[in-house]
Protein backbone atom coordinates (compact mmCIF):
# COMPACT_ATOMS: atom_id res chain seq x y z
CA MET A 1 0.00 0.00 0.00
CA LYS A 2 2.84 2.40 0.79
CA THR A 3 4.26 1.91 -2.71
CA THR A 4 0.91 2.71 -4.29
CA ASN A 5 0.54 5.85 -2.19
CA LYS A 6 4.05 7.00 -3.14
CA SER A 7 3.30 6.40 -6.85
CA TYR A 8 0.01 8.22 -6.48
CA ALA A 9 1.71 11.13 -4.73
CA LYS A 10 4.41 11.31 -7.41
CA GLY A 11 1.69 11.32 -10.09
CA LEU A 12 -0.14 14.16 -8.33
CA ILE A 13 3.06 16.17 -8.02
CA ALA A 14 3.86 15.63 -11.71
CA CYS A 15 0.32 16.66 -12.64
CA ALA A 16 0.53 19.77 -10.47
CA LEU A 17 3.86 20.73 -12.01
CA LEU A 18 2.42 20.25 -15.50
CA ILE A 19 -0.60 22.43 -14.72
CA PHE A 20 1.63 25.08 -13.09
CA SER A 21 3.94 25.04 -16.11
CA PHE A 22 0.96 25.41 -18.46
CA GLN A 23 -0.40 28.31 -16.42
CA LEU A 24 2.97 30.06 -16.54
CA SER A 25 3.12 29.61 -20.34
CA PHE A 26 -0.47 30.71 -20.78
CA ALA A 27 0.02 33.67 -18.46
CA GLN A 28 2.53 35.04 -20.96
CA TRP A 29 -0.18 35.23 -23.63
CA SER A 30 -2.87 37.84 -23.00
CA THR A 31 -6.30 37.64 -24.60
CA SER A 32 -6.47 41.44 -24.55
CA GLY A 33 -3.38 41.92 -26.70
CA ASN A 34 0.29 41.09 -26.69
CA SER A 35 3.49 42.91 -27.38
CA LEU A 36 5.72 40.66 -29.43
CA SER A 37 9.40 40.98 -30.01
CA THR A 38 11.63 39.23 -32.50
CA GLY A 39 11.39 35.51 -32.06
CA ASN A 40 7.92 35.51 -30.46
CA PHE A 41 5.17 33.87 -32.47
CA LEU A 42 1.92 32.00 -32.21
CA GLY A 43 2.25 28.54 -33.70
CA SER A 44 4.30 25.40 -33.54
CA THR A 45 7.95 24.59 -34.00
CA ASN A 46 7.28 21.15 -35.44
CA ALA A 47 5.13 19.66 -38.21
CA THR A 48 1.92 20.04 -36.22
CA ASP A 49 -1.17 21.74 -37.64
CA LEU A 50 -2.46 24.84 -35.83
CA VAL A 51 -6.19 24.37 -35.20
CA PHE A 52 -8.70 27.07 -34.19
CA LYS A 53 -11.92 25.85 -32.59
CA THR A 54 -15.10 27.37 -31.22
CA ASN A 55 -17.75 25.30 -29.44
CA ASN A 56 -15.31 22.39 -29.77
CA THR A 57 -15.67 22.49 -33.57
CA THR A 58 -12.72 23.15 -35.87
CA ARG A 59 -13.34 26.48 -37.63
CA MET A 60 -9.92 27.10 -39.17
CA ILE A 61 -6.70 25.18 -39.60
CA ILE A 62 -3.23 26.20 -40.65
CA LYS A 63 -1.66 23.00 -41.91
CA SER A 64 1.98 22.25 -41.21
CA ASP A 65 2.66 22.83 -44.95
CA GLY A 66 1.26 26.38 -44.64
CA ASN A 67 -2.04 25.71 -46.39
CA VAL A 68 -5.09 27.23 -44.66
CA GLY A 69 -8.54 25.73 -44.35
CA ILE A 70 -11.56 27.75 -43.23
CA GLY A 71 -14.65 25.65 -42.58
CA THR A 72 -12.68 22.61 -43.75
CA THR A 73 -9.59 20.70 -42.72
CA ASN A 74 -9.07 19.33 -46.25
CA THR A 75 -6.96 21.84 -48.15
CA SER A 76 -6.26 19.37 -51.02
CA GLY A 77 -2.96 21.06 -51.87
CA PHE A 78 -4.49 24.54 -52.16
CA LEU A 79 -2.97 27.46 -50.27
CA LEU A 80 -6.48 28.51 -49.13
CA SER A 81 -9.54 26.26 -49.01
CA VAL A 82 -12.89 27.61 -47.84
CA ASP A 83 -16.02 25.55 -47.34
CA GLY A 84 -18.68 28.24 -47.23
CA LYS A 85 -19.54 31.63 -48.63
CA ILE A 86 -16.98 34.40 -48.87
CA ARG A 87 -17.83 38.09 -48.75
CA ALA A 88 -15.41 40.65 -50.10
CA ARG A 89 -15.60 44.19 -51.37
CA GLU A 90 -13.27 43.31 -54.22
CA VAL A 91 -11.34 40.31 -55.48
CA ARG A 92 -8.46 40.90 -57.86
CA ILE A 93 -7.23 38.01 -59.96
CA ASN A 94 -3.96 38.15 -61.84
CA MET A 95 -4.14 36.77 -65.37
CA ASP A 96 -1.32 35.67 -67.67
CA THR A 97 -3.34 36.13 -70.86
CA TRP A 98 -6.54 37.70 -72.16
CA ALA A 99 -8.94 36.95 -75.01
CA ASP A 100 -8.12 39.88 -77.30
CA TYR A 101 -6.68 37.34 -79.76
CA VAL A 102 -10.32 37.00 -80.89
CA PHE A 103 -9.99 40.39 -82.61
CA ALA A 104 -6.86 39.42 -84.56
CA ASP A 105 -7.40 39.32 -88.33
CA THR A 106 -6.35 35.66 -88.37
CA TYR A 107 -8.94 34.54 -85.76
CA LYS A 108 -11.99 32.87 -87.26
CA PRO A 109 -14.81 32.06 -84.85
CA MET A 110 -16.90 28.96 -85.47
CA ASN A 111 -19.60 29.75 -88.05
CA LEU A 112 -23.12 29.98 -86.63
CA THR A 113 -24.31 26.77 -88.30
CA GLU A 114 -21.44 24.77 -86.77
CA LEU A 115 -22.04 26.49 -83.43
CA GLU A 116 -25.72 25.55 -83.49
CA LEU A 117 -24.86 21.90 -84.25
CA PHE A 118 -22.28 21.85 -81.42
CA ILE A 119 -24.81 23.25 -78.93
CA LYS A 120 -27.51 20.78 -79.99
CA LYS A 121 -25.11 17.86 -79.62
CA ASN A 122 -23.23 18.88 -76.44
CA LYS A 123 -25.73 21.16 -74.64
CA HIS A 124 -23.07 23.77 -73.86
CA LEU A 125 -20.87 26.26 -75.68
CA PRO A 126 -17.51 25.14 -77.07
CA GLY A 127 -14.70 26.08 -74.71
CA ILE A 128 -17.08 26.24 -71.73
CA PRO A 129 -17.16 23.23 -69.40
CA CYS A 130 -20.36 21.23 -69.12
CA GLU A 131 -22.46 21.26 -65.96
CA GLN A 132 -21.29 17.83 -64.77
CA GLU A 133 -17.62 18.80 -65.11
CA VAL A 134 -18.20 21.95 -63.03
CA ILE A 135 -20.16 20.03 -60.35
CA THR A 136 -17.53 17.28 -60.19
CA SER A 137 -14.30 19.27 -60.44
CA GLY A 138 -15.21 22.85 -59.66
CA ILE A 139 -14.10 25.68 -61.88
CA SER A 140 -11.09 27.98 -62.09
CA ILE A 141 -12.15 31.63 -61.94
CA ASN A 142 -9.23 32.53 -64.23
CA GLU A 143 -10.18 29.92 -66.83
CA ILE A 144 -13.91 30.67 -66.85
CA THR A 145 -13.31 34.44 -66.94
CA LEU A 146 -11.03 34.03 -69.95
CA SER A 147 -13.54 31.71 -71.67
CA LEU A 148 -16.47 34.06 -71.01
CA ILE A 149 -14.54 37.07 -72.35
CA GLN A 150 -13.69 35.01 -75.45
CA LYS A 151 -17.39 34.21 -75.93
CA ILE A 152 -18.40 37.87 -75.43
CA GLU A 153 -15.83 38.96 -78.00
CA GLU A 154 -17.01 36.25 -80.44
CA ILE A 155 -20.62 37.40 -79.95
CA THR A 156 -19.43 40.94 -80.76
CA LEU A 157 -17.88 39.67 -84.02
CA TYR A 158 -21.09 37.76 -84.88
CA THR A 159 -23.15 40.90 -84.17
CA ILE A 160 -20.92 43.05 -86.40
CA GLU A 161 -21.16 40.45 -89.19
CA ILE A 162 -24.95 40.19 -88.88
CA ASN A 163 -25.26 43.99 -88.78
CA LYS A 164 -23.28 44.28 -92.06
CA LYS A 165 -25.49 41.65 -93.71
CA MET A 166 -28.61 43.42 -92.44
CA ALA A 167 -27.37 46.77 -93.84
CA ASP A 168 -26.70 45.10 -97.22
CA LEU A 169 -30.19 43.56 -97.17
CA GLN A 170 -31.78 46.92 -96.32
CA LEU A 171 -30.03 48.50 -99.34
CA LEU A 172 -31.19 45.61 -101.55
CA VAL A 173 -34.79 45.90 -100.30
CA ALA A 174 -34.77 49.69 -100.85
CA LYS A 175 -33.45 49.19 -104.42
CA GLN A 176 -36.04 46.47 -105.14
CA GLN A 177 -38.84 48.66 -103.74
CA ALA A 178 -37.78 51.51 -106.03
CA GLU A 179 -37.74 49.12 -109.01
CA LEU A 180 -41.18 47.78 -108.01
CA GLU A 181 -42.57 51.32 -107.86
CA LEU A 182 -41.25 51.95 -111.37
CA LEU A 183 -42.96 48.81 -112.62
CA LYS A 184 -46.24 49.76 -110.94
CA ASN A 185 -46.13 53.33 -112.13
CA PRO A 186 -44.24 53.41 -115.40
CA GLN A 187 -43.04 56.83 -116.44
CA PRO A 188 -44.20 57.97 -119.81
CA VAL A 189 -41.48 57.93 -122.37
CA LYS A 190 -40.75 61.39 -123.71
CA PRO A 191 -40.42 61.68 -127.45
């Protein structure tokens, strides 16, 4: 019995020292603000994730590789992964290219007949992912922005082409109407 009591006492002392040590460490960190100097930081010195919880539920994680998850612990190799809605006043995305190549003299958009056949067969625009692909894999904002700008610029080219054809048809109709009026009301031939 004496051995058990000594072991128990040693365990209590170790526990008390651990709690005291924790309190001393925690006492150095103030919830009302901290003054840090070089070398102070919040985090770990090993390959351990830093987890933020409220109501015993993980809300945010900084993985040991530096990737951050908000609302998720699965960052899947992304620097920032968010499972939920994001509100921002502005989001700026850097692009390496833009769709102005559509306006180059050498660019030829798909003709409208081919485009119609493609849409009937595939149920989406060429160069735009289908619904299932987006649901399954998500979508890159850079890629879809570039694709949508390309489509807007192609629609602009189609509109210009259709407008030219409509202007030509209006001239033809006006000419034919004038000829029809002459046939209806022939002018007397002067001797």
